[in-house]
Protein backbone atom coordinates (compact mmCIF):
# COMPACT_ATOMS: atom_id res chain seq x y z
CA MET A 1 -75.64 -19.21 -59.54
CA SER A 2 -76.16 -15.60 -60.17
CA SER A 3 -73.41 -13.09 -59.35
CA CYS A 4 -76.05 -10.65 -58.52
CA PRO A 5 -75.48 -9.38 -54.82
CA ILE A 6 -78.99 -8.02 -54.75
CA PRO A 7 -81.26 -10.40 -53.16
CA LEU A 8 -84.65 -11.72 -54.66
CA SER A 9 -86.67 -10.12 -51.61
CA ALA A 10 -85.41 -6.81 -52.96
CA VAL A 11 -88.01 -7.36 -55.65
CA ASP A 12 -91.73 -7.66 -55.17
CA GLU A 13 -92.81 -11.06 -54.80
CA LYS A 14 -94.96 -11.02 -58.05
CA LEU A 15 -92.03 -9.90 -60.13
CA ARG A 16 -89.45 -12.18 -58.71
CA ARG A 17 -89.67 -14.62 -61.63
CA HIS A 18 -88.36 -11.73 -64.08
CA VAL A 19 -85.08 -11.78 -62.16
CA ASP A 20 -84.62 -15.29 -61.02
CA PRO A 21 -81.69 -16.90 -62.36
CA ALA A 22 -83.60 -19.98 -62.66
CA SER A 23 -86.45 -18.40 -64.89
CA PRO A 24 -86.18 -18.86 -68.74
CA PRO A 25 -83.82 -16.36 -70.37
CA PRO A 26 -86.65 -14.83 -72.61
CA LEU A 27 -88.83 -14.02 -69.38
CA ARG A 28 -85.66 -11.99 -68.08
CA LEU A 29 -84.82 -10.29 -71.10
CA MET A 30 -88.30 -9.13 -71.55
CA ALA A 31 -88.10 -7.55 -68.13
CA ALA A 32 -84.35 -6.09 -69.08
CA ARG A 33 -85.57 -4.40 -72.17
CA GLY A 34 -88.47 -2.68 -70.02
CA MET A 35 -91.22 -4.44 -71.72
CA VAL A 36 -92.87 -5.69 -68.37
CA PRO A 37 -95.32 -2.96 -66.96
CA MET A 38 -94.17 -1.88 -63.18
CA GLY A 39 -94.07 0.95 -60.84
CA PRO A 40 -90.81 3.13 -60.67
CA ARG A 41 -89.41 1.20 -57.44
CA ASP A 42 -89.95 -2.01 -58.89
CA MET A 43 -88.68 -1.14 -62.58
CA VAL A 44 -85.42 0.19 -60.95
CA SER A 45 -84.95 -2.84 -58.65
CA VAL A 46 -85.66 -5.57 -61.64
CA LEU A 47 -83.42 -3.65 -63.87
CA CYS A 48 -80.81 -3.46 -61.18
CA CYS A 49 -80.82 -6.81 -60.47
CA LEU A 50 -80.86 -7.76 -64.03
CA SER A 51 -77.78 -5.63 -64.71
CA TYR A 52 -75.87 -8.39 -62.87
CA ASP A 53 -77.43 -11.19 -64.91
CA ASP A 54 -74.59 -13.90 -66.03
CA ASP A 55 -76.16 -13.75 -69.41
CA ASP A 56 -74.24 -10.91 -71.07
CA LYS A 57 -77.26 -9.90 -73.31
CA ILE A 58 -79.74 -9.64 -70.51
CA GLY A 59 -77.08 -7.80 -68.23
CA SER A 60 -76.38 -5.42 -71.17
CA ALA A 61 -80.09 -4.75 -72.13
CA ALA A 62 -80.74 -3.99 -68.40
CA THR A 63 -78.03 -1.60 -67.94
CA LYS A 64 -79.12 0.34 -71.37
CA SER A 65 -82.61 0.13 -69.89
CA LEU A 66 -81.37 1.83 -66.61
CA ALA A 67 -79.43 4.29 -68.64
CA GLU A 68 -82.44 5.37 -70.74
CA LEU A 69 -84.84 5.69 -67.88
CA PRO A 70 -86.41 9.11 -67.49
CA ASP A 71 -86.01 11.18 -64.86
CA ARG A 72 -89.54 10.89 -63.44
CA ILE A 73 -89.13 7.11 -63.15
CA ILE A 74 -85.61 7.49 -61.29
CA GLN A 75 -86.78 10.27 -59.06
CA GLY A 76 -90.04 8.55 -58.46
CA ALA A 77 -88.32 5.23 -57.24
CA LEU A 78 -85.74 7.21 -55.02
CA ALA A 79 -88.78 8.99 -53.55
CA GLU A 80 -90.55 5.52 -52.42
CA LYS A 81 -89.90 3.66 -49.05
CA GLY A 82 -88.34 0.30 -49.23
CA LEU A 83 -85.79 0.68 -52.16
CA HIS A 84 -82.83 -1.77 -51.12
CA ALA A 85 -79.37 -0.33 -50.37
CA LEU A 86 -77.77 -2.29 -52.85
CA VAL A 87 -80.17 -1.26 -55.47
CA LEU A 88 -79.12 2.28 -54.57
CA ASP A 89 -75.07 1.36 -55.00
CA GLN A 90 -76.01 0.12 -58.43
CA LEU A 91 -77.90 3.22 -59.62
CA ALA A 92 -74.83 5.20 -58.56
CA ARG A 93 -72.36 3.01 -60.51
CA VAL A 94 -74.46 2.48 -63.82
CA LEU A 95 -76.54 5.57 -64.33
CA PRO A 96 -75.14 8.36 -66.44
CA GLU A 97 -73.81 11.23 -64.38
CA ASN A 98 -76.51 13.40 -63.46
CA GLU A 99 -76.25 15.79 -60.29
CA ALA A 100 -79.86 15.73 -59.37
CA ARG A 101 -79.97 11.90 -59.42
CA LEU A 102 -76.76 11.51 -57.57
CA GLU A 103 -77.76 13.97 -54.92
CA ALA A 104 -81.07 12.06 -54.40
CA ILE A 105 -79.27 8.91 -53.79
CA LEU A 106 -76.72 10.82 -51.37
CA ILE A 107 -79.35 12.02 -49.24
CA HIS A 108 -81.14 8.88 -49.03
CA GLN A 109 -80.90 7.04 -45.93
CA GLN A 110 -80.72 3.70 -47.27
CA THR A 111 -77.77 4.08 -49.38
CA PRO A 112 -74.51 2.22 -48.15
CA ASP A 113 -71.40 3.88 -46.96
CA GLN A 114 -69.40 1.99 -49.74
CA THR A 115 -71.77 4.12 -52.26
CA PHE A 116 -70.41 7.24 -50.77
CA GLU A 117 -66.75 5.87 -50.93
CA TYR A 118 -67.36 5.16 -54.59
CA LEU A 119 -68.85 8.83 -55.49
CA ALA A 120 -66.27 10.74 -53.06
CA ASP A 121 -63.23 10.79 -55.60
CA ARG A 122 -65.28 11.35 -58.83
CA VAL A 123 -68.09 13.74 -58.28
CA GLY A 124 -67.96 17.38 -58.16
CA GLU A 125 -67.70 20.29 -55.83
CA ASN A 126 -71.49 20.52 -54.98
CA LEU A 127 -72.04 16.85 -54.32
CA LEU A 128 -68.88 16.43 -52.61
CA GLY A 129 -70.14 18.97 -50.02
CA ILE A 130 -73.00 16.63 -49.20
CA ILE A 131 -70.56 13.79 -48.94
CA ILE A 132 -68.17 15.94 -46.36
CA GLU A 133 -70.99 17.19 -44.40
CA ASN A 134 -72.32 13.66 -43.68
CA GLN A 135 -69.54 13.10 -40.92
CA VAL A 136 -71.59 10.33 -39.43
CA ARG A 137 -70.78 8.07 -42.42
CA ILE A 138 -67.14 9.28 -42.58
CA LEU A 139 -66.24 8.38 -38.98
CA ARG A 140 -68.20 5.03 -39.46
CA HIS A 141 -66.54 4.19 -42.87
CA PRO A 142 -63.06 6.03 -42.91
CA PRO A 143 -62.37 5.02 -46.78
CA ILE A 144 -64.85 7.86 -47.57
CA ALA A 145 -62.33 10.29 -46.29
CA LYS A 146 -59.40 8.94 -48.21
CA ALA A 147 -61.58 9.18 -51.25
CA ILE A 148 -62.61 12.67 -50.58
CA LEU A 149 -58.82 13.54 -50.52
CA ASP A 150 -58.32 11.85 -53.76
CA ASN A 151 -60.75 13.90 -55.53
CA PRO A 152 -59.55 16.54 -57.85
CA ALA A 153 -62.20 18.73 -57.29
CA VAL A 154 -62.12 18.91 -53.63
CA LEU A 155 -61.41 22.68 -52.26
CA LYS A 156 -58.88 23.70 -49.77
CA SER A 157 -61.77 24.76 -47.46
CA GLN A 158 -63.18 21.43 -47.81
CA VAL A 159 -59.92 19.67 -46.83
CA ASP A 160 -59.43 21.70 -43.84
CA ARG A 161 -62.89 21.00 -42.66
CA LEU A 162 -62.48 17.17 -43.28
CA MET A 163 -58.88 17.44 -41.27
CA ASP A 164 -60.30 19.48 -38.19
CA PHE A 165 -62.81 16.81 -37.96
CA ALA A 166 -60.58 13.95 -38.05
CA VAL A 167 -58.32 15.50 -35.51
CA ARG A 168 -61.31 15.88 -33.15
CA THR A 169 -62.52 12.41 -33.33
CA GLY A 170 -59.02 10.42 -33.45
CA MET A 171 -58.71 9.49 -37.24
CA ASP A 172 -55.38 9.07 -38.26
CA PHE A 173 -53.91 10.70 -41.36
CA HIS A 174 -50.40 10.96 -39.65
CA GLY A 175 -47.59 12.42 -41.92
CA MET A 176 -50.10 14.30 -44.09
CA GLU A 177 -49.35 18.23 -43.97
CA VAL A 178 -52.83 19.10 -44.21
CA PHE A 179 -53.55 17.01 -41.12
CA GLU A 180 -50.50 18.22 -39.02
CA ALA A 181 -51.58 21.85 -39.67
CA ALA A 182 -55.26 20.88 -38.73
CA LYS A 183 -53.74 19.66 -35.29
CA ASP A 184 -51.97 22.99 -34.79
CA ARG A 185 -54.91 24.92 -35.70
CA ILE A 186 -57.03 23.12 -33.08
CA LYS A 187 -54.64 23.27 -30.35
CA ALA A 188 -54.21 27.10 -30.89
CA ALA A 189 -58.05 27.54 -30.90
CA PRO A 190 -60.05 28.25 -27.62
CA PRO A 191 -62.29 25.55 -26.14
CA ASP A 192 -65.56 25.04 -28.01
CA ARG A 193 -67.77 23.44 -25.80
CA GLU A 194 -70.99 23.63 -28.47
CA GLU A 195 -68.44 21.87 -30.99
CA SER A 196 -67.34 19.26 -28.37
CA LEU A 197 -70.75 18.07 -27.71
CA ARG A 198 -71.97 18.32 -31.50
CA ILE A 199 -68.51 15.90 -32.21
CA ARG A 200 -69.80 13.57 -29.34
CA LYS A 201 -73.08 13.13 -30.87
CA VAL A 202 -71.66 12.36 -34.45
CA VAL A 203 -69.33 9.92 -32.61
CA GLU A 204 -72.35 8.24 -30.84
CA ASP A 205 -74.39 8.08 -34.12
CA SER A 206 -71.31 6.35 -35.87
CA LEU A 207 -71.58 3.37 -33.53
CA PRO A 208 -73.05 0.24 -34.41
CA GLU A 209 -76.22 -0.30 -32.40
CA GLU A 210 -75.49 -4.18 -31.72
CA MET A 211 -72.31 -3.09 -29.49
CA LEU A 212 -74.72 -1.18 -27.34
CA LEU A 213 -77.62 -3.56 -26.73
CA GLU A 214 -76.73 -6.17 -24.20
CA GLU A 215 -76.65 -9.77 -25.28
CA ASP A 216 -79.14 -12.56 -24.15
CA ASP A 217 -77.20 -13.68 -20.92
CA SER A 218 -79.92 -16.35 -19.67
CA GLY A 219 -78.33 -19.40 -20.43
CA SER A 220 -81.00 -20.71 -22.03
CA LEU A 221 -79.93 -20.75 -25.64
CA SER A 222 -79.65 -23.69 -27.73
CA SER A 223 -76.18 -25.12 -28.59
CA GLU A 224 -76.26 -23.72 -32.22
CA ASP A 225 -77.95 -20.11 -30.95
CA ALA A 226 -75.04 -20.15 -28.37
CA ALA A 227 -72.38 -20.48 -31.18
CA GLU A 228 -73.91 -17.95 -33.34
CA VAL A 229 -73.72 -15.61 -30.29
CA GLU A 230 -70.17 -16.40 -29.71
CA GLU A 231 -69.38 -15.86 -33.38
CA ARG A 232 -71.38 -12.57 -33.38
CA LYS A 233 -68.93 -11.64 -30.23
CA LYS A 234 -65.79 -12.39 -31.99
CA THR A 235 -66.85 -10.26 -34.60
CA LEU A 236 -67.59 -7.66 -32.67
CA LEU A 237 -64.13 -7.66 -30.97
CA GLN A 238 -62.41 -7.66 -34.12
CA ARG A 239 -64.25 -4.71 -35.06
CA LEU A 240 -63.32 -2.69 -31.96
CA HIS A 241 -59.55 -2.51 -33.41
CA THR A 242 -60.92 -0.24 -36.50
CA PHE A 243 -62.19 2.47 -34.15
CA THR A 244 -60.85 5.55 -33.17
CA PRO A 245 -59.99 6.75 -29.48
CA ALA A 246 -63.21 8.96 -29.51
CA GLN A 247 -65.35 6.37 -30.68
CA LYS A 248 -63.63 3.80 -28.12
CA VAL A 249 -64.41 6.22 -25.32
CA VAL A 250 -68.12 6.42 -26.05
CA LEU A 251 -68.41 2.62 -26.67
CA ALA A 252 -66.47 2.29 -23.28
CA THR A 253 -69.13 4.47 -21.41
CA LYS A 254 -72.33 3.05 -23.30
CA GLY A 255 -71.26 -0.40 -24.79
CA ASN A 256 -72.59 -3.85 -23.87
CA LYS A 257 -70.85 -6.18 -21.52
CA VAL A 258 -68.67 -7.75 -24.33
CA VAL A 259 -67.44 -4.20 -25.52
CA ARG A 260 -66.81 -2.65 -22.42
CA SER A 261 -64.95 -6.03 -21.10
CA ALA A 262 -62.83 -5.78 -24.07
CA LEU A 263 -62.27 -1.94 -23.68
CA ILE A 264 -61.42 -1.91 -20.18
CA ARG A 265 -58.20 -3.58 -20.94
CA ASP A 266 -57.23 -1.12 -23.71
CA ARG A 267 -53.98 0.39 -23.48
CA ASN A 268 -55.27 3.99 -23.64
CA LYS A 269 -55.98 4.75 -20.09
CA ILE A 270 -58.69 7.06 -20.84
CA VAL A 271 -60.61 4.35 -22.81
CA ALA A 272 -60.17 1.88 -19.97
CA THR A 273 -61.14 4.19 -17.22
CA ALA A 274 -64.34 4.95 -19.25
CA ALA A 275 -65.28 1.30 -19.40
CA ILE A 276 -65.09 0.94 -15.54
CA LYS A 277 -67.49 3.72 -15.23
CA ASN A 278 -70.24 2.32 -17.50
CA PRO A 279 -73.38 2.30 -15.57
CA GLY A 280 -74.06 -1.21 -16.78
CA VAL A 281 -70.89 -3.13 -14.94
CA SER A 282 -72.27 -5.63 -12.62
CA GLU A 283 -70.88 -6.86 -9.23
CA SER A 284 -69.47 -10.01 -10.93
CA GLU A 285 -67.85 -8.00 -13.60
CA VAL A 286 -66.26 -6.06 -11.05
CA ILE A 287 -64.76 -8.94 -9.08
CA GLY A 288 -63.34 -10.09 -12.49
CA ILE A 289 -61.90 -6.88 -13.26
CA ALA A 290 -60.34 -6.50 -9.59
CA ALA A 291 -58.58 -9.95 -9.86
CA SER A 292 -56.92 -9.04 -13.00
CA ARG A 293 -53.36 -8.40 -13.37
CA SER A 294 -53.64 -7.05 -16.82
CA ILE A 295 -55.89 -3.93 -15.73
CA CYS A 296 -54.34 -0.64 -15.60
CA ASP A 297 -53.69 0.92 -12.28
CA ASP A 298 -56.03 3.72 -12.71
CA VAL A 299 -59.02 1.07 -13.22
CA ILE A 300 -58.06 -0.46 -9.81
CA ARG A 301 -57.90 2.83 -8.04
CA ILE A 302 -61.17 3.92 -9.24
CA ILE A 303 -62.78 0.22 -7.87
CA CYS A 304 -60.89 0.84 -4.61
CA ASN A 305 -62.71 4.33 -4.42
CA ASN A 306 -66.01 3.15 -4.96
CA ARG A 307 -67.79 2.37 -1.64
CA GLU A 308 -70.69 0.25 -3.19
CA TRP A 309 -68.35 -2.01 -4.90
CA THR A 310 -66.07 -2.50 -1.82
CA ARG A 311 -68.89 -3.33 0.33
CA SER A 312 -68.87 -6.98 -1.44
CA TYR A 313 -66.44 -9.23 0.22
CA ALA A 314 -65.44 -10.76 -3.17
CA VAL A 315 -64.26 -7.46 -4.11
CA LYS A 316 -62.44 -6.59 -1.22
CA LYS A 317 -60.52 -10.14 -1.25
CA ALA A 318 -59.75 -9.71 -5.11
CA LEU A 319 -58.05 -6.40 -4.57
CA VAL A 320 -56.01 -7.60 -1.76
CA GLU A 321 -54.91 -10.62 -3.78
CA ASN A 322 -54.06 -8.28 -6.79
CA PRO A 323 -50.41 -6.91 -6.59
CA LYS A 324 -51.50 -3.96 -8.49
CA THR A 325 -53.72 -2.52 -5.71
CA PRO A 326 -52.18 0.14 -3.66
CA ILE A 327 -50.65 -0.92 -0.35
CA ALA A 328 -52.91 1.60 1.30
CA PHE A 329 -56.12 0.14 -0.05
CA SER A 330 -54.84 -3.43 0.45
CA MET A 331 -54.10 -2.83 4.14
CA ARG A 332 -57.54 -1.28 4.68
CA PHE A 333 -59.42 -4.25 3.25
CA LEU A 334 -57.28 -6.63 4.62
CA GLN A 335 -59.32 -5.89 8.22
CA ALA A 336 -62.66 -7.46 6.55
CA LEU A 337 -61.01 -10.48 5.45
CA ARG A 338 -61.73 -14.06 7.15
CA LYS A 339 -59.15 -16.22 9.06
CA GLY A 340 -58.58 -18.53 6.18
CA ASP A 341 -58.04 -16.03 3.31
CA LEU A 342 -55.79 -14.39 5.84
CA LYS A 343 -53.65 -17.52 6.21
CA ASN A 344 -53.34 -17.91 2.44
CA LEU A 345 -52.59 -14.41 1.84
CA SER A 346 -49.75 -14.69 4.42
CA ARG A 347 -48.14 -17.62 2.12
CA SER A 348 -48.66 -15.99 -0.74
CA LYS A 349 -45.74 -14.89 -3.24
CA ASN A 350 -48.02 -12.81 -5.68
CA ILE A 351 -48.76 -9.95 -3.25
CA SER A 352 -46.12 -7.41 -1.68
CA ALA A 353 -44.17 -8.39 1.33
CA THR A 354 -45.63 -5.76 3.30
CA VAL A 355 -49.24 -7.13 2.67
CA ALA A 356 -48.16 -10.69 3.15
CA ASN A 357 -46.62 -9.87 6.70
CA ALA A 358 -49.72 -7.92 7.60
CA ALA A 359 -51.87 -10.70 6.74
CA LYS A 360 -49.65 -13.07 8.82
CA LYS A 361 -49.80 -10.74 12.00
CA LEU A 362 -53.54 -10.17 11.63
CA HIS A 363 -54.26 -13.87 11.25
CA GLN A 364 -52.25 -14.52 14.39
CA LYS A 365 -53.76 -11.89 16.28
CA ARG A 366 -57.29 -13.45 15.56
CA SER A 367 -56.13 -17.12 16.21
CA GLY A 368 -54.84 -16.06 19.84
CA GLY A 369 -51.46 -15.83 18.95
CA ARG A 370 -51.04 -19.12 16.97
């Protein structure tokens, strides 16, 4: 089995036999030495694949050929579409340091975040500036920021810009002097609406698209597909723990059902209240939320004050049954409940005595004093 992380699909179908681990070594070695005619993109892709070859002779030959490729081949490959992300990553790691080449890799849309992390602590001032300006990537992959700070070439002005961004987006560099200074600097500065809007756009762009798109809830999935969907949901929920408060607020506002259902239980009240205001929240979700005793008080109040939601009998009943609901709202919604529900509430030990007694009196009144 090959140790190459780059899939065969990254190489043109006609050339895959030259990188396939199952192919004869002489065929792979010929390509590794650059002896197979092909265009820039194919040449770079093939050599990057072969640089991982388990046969040391082939891997070394491919790495040497990559290092000796002329600029016109490298730049030609970087200018073409369809270059695989892992090919770009390997290029950044094996090519001799060349600012023009690395700049082309850094501005390439397909370059992985891990490549930025790799380069962030070893490039010079100019390339470091490109990395620092790519704030979407930094927020999406925080290890980039750590690598920037470890770079001996980083300027104080670049560190200050990075730390200001970290404070505004909720990234945590607690205990670092430059981070604490940025907190004080931003706290003392007048509000900047334009900068706030720009930061929000960066936060939005840093979020995974799969967290914003609704899952198929049709119930028509096969057991295999349903299991895959559940696994995907689990992965999404695990990733939520890695996000900053700013990212969570935007996700709460725009995220899909799985995401907002998790964030509505977030300890941060700002995140939780943003989730209940998500325009995608359905009545069935509200019923479940209104009945939950783990939801923060602010969320319950928002539901109580929403006339559209409280038209629903099920929502009103769930709110009255929830001890977190303010008594004033419980007493109001109590008037709309049916006799059977009033009777049950009058015996409930899970709500306040005030609401239980009111339910008992209302039930007796509707039952003719019985």
